[in-house]
Amino acid sequence: MCAEKTNGPVARAGCVGKHQDQAKRTNSFDESQRINPANLAAERSVLGALIDDDSFVPKVFASGLRCEDFFLSAHRRIFRAIELLHTRKAPVDHVSVAEQLGNRNEDYAAIADMVYGVVLHEDHILHHVRIILRKSRLRRLLEIGEWILTAVNETSDPDSITLQIRDMLDACSEDHVL
């Protein structure tokens, strides 16, 4: 109920308008409320499996999983270390990955966090890889949406924007065929 006089249709209309304005303010999108699609448990599970049993490395790499598909920079850093070890044909294990990361206590702690409770079953790992890939694509779609907002405000050529959007969407859909 409005604090002002609420008798009559004009007064009631003014009261409803104030409540609608307040609802719009409380339901409006705030950048700090933005949610980035990610599944950190799936990321930890895949990294832990790769570290605990490097026989999974070729299968995971063959799936198309890339460093930039990981949400957390710490996870990207660990995956990059695993990639480097694999390309050098070095063993991918706790010690080798920690050494590649810098051999600090924090590196060993991060690796221990990755391998704790990991399920070493190929179907599970590849399922988790697919989750990571889907979340990565969703984040890229969000980035495209943000780019569209910026591009619309900066240019008056809708044809150019449309072509660029198509190219970006094509690239996003070609990246990972699940």
Protein backbone atom coordinates (compact mmCIF):
# COMPACT_ATOMS: atom_id res chain seq x y z
CA MET A 1 0.00 0.00 0.00
CA CYS A 2 1.31 3.47 -0.89
CA ALA A 3 1.86 5.99 1.86
CA GLU A 4 0.04 8.66 -0.18
CA LYS A 5 -3.70 8.99 -0.53
CA THR A 6 -4.98 5.89 -2.34
CA ASN A 7 -8.62 6.81 -2.90
CA GLY A 8 -9.68 6.98 -6.50
CA PRO A 9 -8.32 5.55 -9.73
CA VAL A 10 -5.74 8.30 -10.32
CA ALA A 11 -4.16 7.84 -6.90
CA ARG A 12 -4.14 4.06 -7.28
CA ALA A 13 -2.53 4.31 -10.74
CA GLY A 14 0.25 6.47 -9.29
CA CYS A 15 0.82 3.96 -6.50
CA VAL A 16 1.03 1.02 -8.94
CA GLY A 17 3.52 2.95 -11.08
CA LYS A 18 5.78 3.51 -8.07
CA HIS A 19 5.73 -0.19 -7.20
CA GLN A 20 6.53 -1.14 -10.81
CA ASP A 21 9.51 1.25 -10.83
CA GLN A 22 10.77 -0.27 -7.59
CA ALA A 23 10.35 -3.81 -9.00
CA LYS A 24 12.30 -2.84 -12.13
CA ARG A 25 15.15 -1.52 -10.00
CA THR A 26 15.36 -4.65 -7.85
CA ASN A 27 15.09 -7.02 -10.84
CA SER A 28 17.44 -5.16 -13.15
CA PHE A 29 20.58 -6.94 -14.35
CA ASP A 30 23.65 -5.89 -12.41
CA GLU A 31 27.10 -6.69 -13.82
CA SER A 32 28.20 -7.93 -10.38
CA GLN A 33 25.41 -10.54 -10.53
CA ARG A 34 26.67 -11.96 -13.80
CA ILE A 35 27.07 -15.72 -13.74
CA ASN A 36 29.73 -17.38 -15.83
CA PRO A 37 28.88 -20.94 -16.79
CA ALA A 38 31.44 -23.26 -15.25
CA ASN A 39 31.66 -26.59 -13.50
CA LEU A 40 34.71 -26.44 -11.27
CA ALA A 41 34.20 -29.97 -9.97
CA ALA A 42 34.35 -31.34 -13.52
CA GLU A 43 37.49 -29.30 -14.18
CA ARG A 44 39.17 -30.62 -11.02
CA SER A 45 38.08 -34.15 -11.84
CA VAL A 46 39.59 -34.09 -15.34
CA LEU A 47 42.84 -32.49 -14.17
CA GLY A 48 43.10 -34.91 -11.26
CA ALA A 49 42.53 -37.89 -13.54
CA LEU A 50 45.22 -36.70 -15.96
CA ILE A 51 47.70 -36.27 -13.12
CA ASP A 52 46.79 -39.53 -11.40
CA ASP A 53 46.80 -41.66 -14.57
CA ASP A 54 48.50 -40.22 -17.63
CA SER A 55 47.06 -42.92 -19.88
CA PHE A 56 43.99 -40.64 -20.13
CA VAL A 57 46.00 -37.73 -21.58
CA PRO A 58 45.78 -38.75 -25.27
CA LYS A 59 42.03 -39.41 -25.04
CA VAL A 60 41.34 -36.09 -23.33
CA PHE A 61 43.48 -34.17 -25.83
CA ALA A 62 41.74 -35.98 -28.71
CA SER A 63 38.40 -34.75 -27.36
CA GLY A 64 39.40 -31.20 -28.29
CA LEU A 65 39.76 -29.91 -24.75
CA ARG A 66 41.99 -26.85 -24.68
CA CYS A 67 43.58 -24.73 -22.02
CA GLU A 68 41.16 -21.86 -22.63
CA ASP A 69 38.18 -24.15 -21.96
CA PHE A 70 38.96 -24.07 -18.23
CA PHE A 71 37.25 -21.35 -16.23
CA LEU A 72 39.83 -20.81 -13.48
CA SER A 73 43.27 -19.49 -14.33
CA ALA A 74 44.77 -21.98 -11.85
CA HIS A 75 43.15 -24.82 -13.79
CA ARG A 76 44.39 -23.38 -17.10
CA ARG A 77 47.89 -23.21 -15.62
CA ILE A 78 47.80 -26.86 -14.56
CA PHE A 79 46.40 -28.00 -17.91
CA ARG A 80 49.11 -26.04 -19.71
CA ALA A 81 51.76 -27.79 -17.58
CA ILE A 82 50.24 -31.16 -18.48
CA GLU A 83 50.26 -30.19 -22.18
CA LEU A 84 53.94 -29.21 -22.03
CA LEU A 85 54.91 -32.43 -20.30
CA HIS A 86 52.94 -34.47 -22.79
CA THR A 87 54.50 -32.75 -25.83
CA ARG A 88 57.96 -33.43 -24.37
CA LYS A 89 56.94 -37.05 -23.81
CA ALA A 90 57.69 -36.61 -20.11
CA PRO A 91 55.59 -38.45 -17.53
CA VAL A 92 52.49 -36.63 -16.32
CA ASP A 93 52.38 -37.28 -12.58
CA HIS A 94 52.26 -35.39 -9.28
CA VAL A 95 55.98 -34.63 -9.16
CA SER A 96 56.42 -33.75 -12.84
CA VAL A 97 53.42 -31.42 -12.93
CA ALA A 98 54.50 -29.69 -9.70
CA GLU A 99 58.01 -29.28 -11.12
CA GLN A 100 56.60 -27.81 -14.34
CA LEU A 101 54.51 -25.38 -12.28
CA GLY A 102 57.51 -24.14 -10.30
CA ASN A 103 57.94 -26.75 -7.57
CA ARG A 104 56.41 -24.59 -4.83
CA ASN A 105 54.40 -25.83 -1.87
CA GLU A 106 51.30 -24.16 -3.35
CA ASP A 107 51.77 -26.22 -6.51
CA TYR A 108 51.76 -29.48 -4.56
CA ALA A 109 48.68 -28.32 -2.63
CA ALA A 110 46.86 -27.48 -5.88
CA ILE A 111 47.71 -30.87 -7.34
CA ALA A 112 46.59 -32.66 -4.16
CA ASP A 113 43.28 -30.79 -4.44
CA MET A 114 42.90 -32.00 -8.03
CA VAL A 115 43.51 -35.68 -7.36
CA TYR A 116 41.55 -35.94 -4.10
CA GLY A 117 38.50 -38.13 -4.70
CA VAL A 118 38.94 -38.36 -8.47
CA VAL A 119 37.17 -41.21 -10.24
CA LEU A 120 39.54 -42.94 -12.66
CA HIS A 121 37.03 -44.30 -15.10
CA GLU A 122 37.27 -43.34 -18.76
CA ASP A 123 33.52 -42.85 -19.24
CA HIS A 124 33.36 -40.51 -16.25
CA ILE A 125 36.38 -38.50 -17.35
CA LEU A 126 35.14 -38.08 -20.92
CA HIS A 127 31.70 -37.12 -19.61
CA HIS A 128 33.36 -34.44 -17.45
CA VAL A 129 35.33 -33.25 -20.48
CA ARG A 130 32.04 -32.79 -22.37
CA ILE A 131 30.68 -30.76 -19.45
CA ILE A 132 33.75 -28.49 -19.54
CA LEU A 133 33.43 -28.06 -23.31
CA ARG A 134 29.73 -27.13 -23.05
CA LYS A 135 30.39 -24.60 -20.30
CA SER A 136 33.25 -23.13 -22.32
CA ARG A 137 30.97 -22.70 -25.34
CA LEU A 138 28.35 -21.03 -23.17
CA ARG A 139 30.95 -18.56 -21.91
CA ARG A 140 31.98 -17.82 -25.49
CA LEU A 141 28.34 -17.21 -26.39
CA LEU A 142 28.09 -14.76 -23.51
CA GLU A 143 31.19 -13.00 -24.83
CA ILE A 144 29.56 -12.76 -28.26
CA GLY A 145 26.47 -11.27 -26.65
CA GLU A 146 28.57 -8.67 -24.86
CA TRP A 147 30.37 -7.89 -28.11
CA ILE A 148 27.01 -7.38 -29.83
CA LEU A 149 25.96 -4.86 -27.20
CA THR A 150 29.17 -2.91 -27.70
CA ALA A 151 29.10 -3.17 -31.50
CA VAL A 152 25.51 -1.92 -31.75
CA ASN A 153 26.45 1.18 -29.80
CA GLU A 154 29.62 1.83 -31.79
CA THR A 155 28.46 1.33 -35.39
CA SER A 156 25.42 2.04 -37.48
CA ASP A 157 25.94 -0.77 -40.00
CA PRO A 158 23.70 -3.70 -39.06
CA ASP A 159 24.84 -5.73 -42.09
CA SER A 160 28.46 -5.60 -40.94
CA ILE A 161 27.48 -6.56 -37.40
CA THR A 162 25.33 -9.43 -38.66
CA LEU A 163 28.19 -10.84 -40.76
CA GLN A 164 30.58 -10.65 -37.83
CA ILE A 165 28.05 -12.32 -35.52
CA ARG A 166 27.60 -15.18 -38.01
CA ASP A 167 31.37 -15.64 -38.23
CA MET A 168 31.72 -15.69 -34.45
CA LEU A 169 28.84 -18.15 -34.02
CA ASP A 170 30.24 -20.39 -36.76
CA ALA A 171 33.63 -20.39 -35.04
CA CYS A 172 32.01 -21.17 -31.70
CA SER A 173 30.02 -24.08 -33.11
CA GLU A 174 32.98 -25.46 -35.08
CA ASP A 175 35.31 -25.37 -32.08
CA HIS A 176 33.75 -28.38 -30.42
CA VAL A 177 31.59 -30.90 -32.10
CA LEU A 178 30.20 -32.84 -29.17
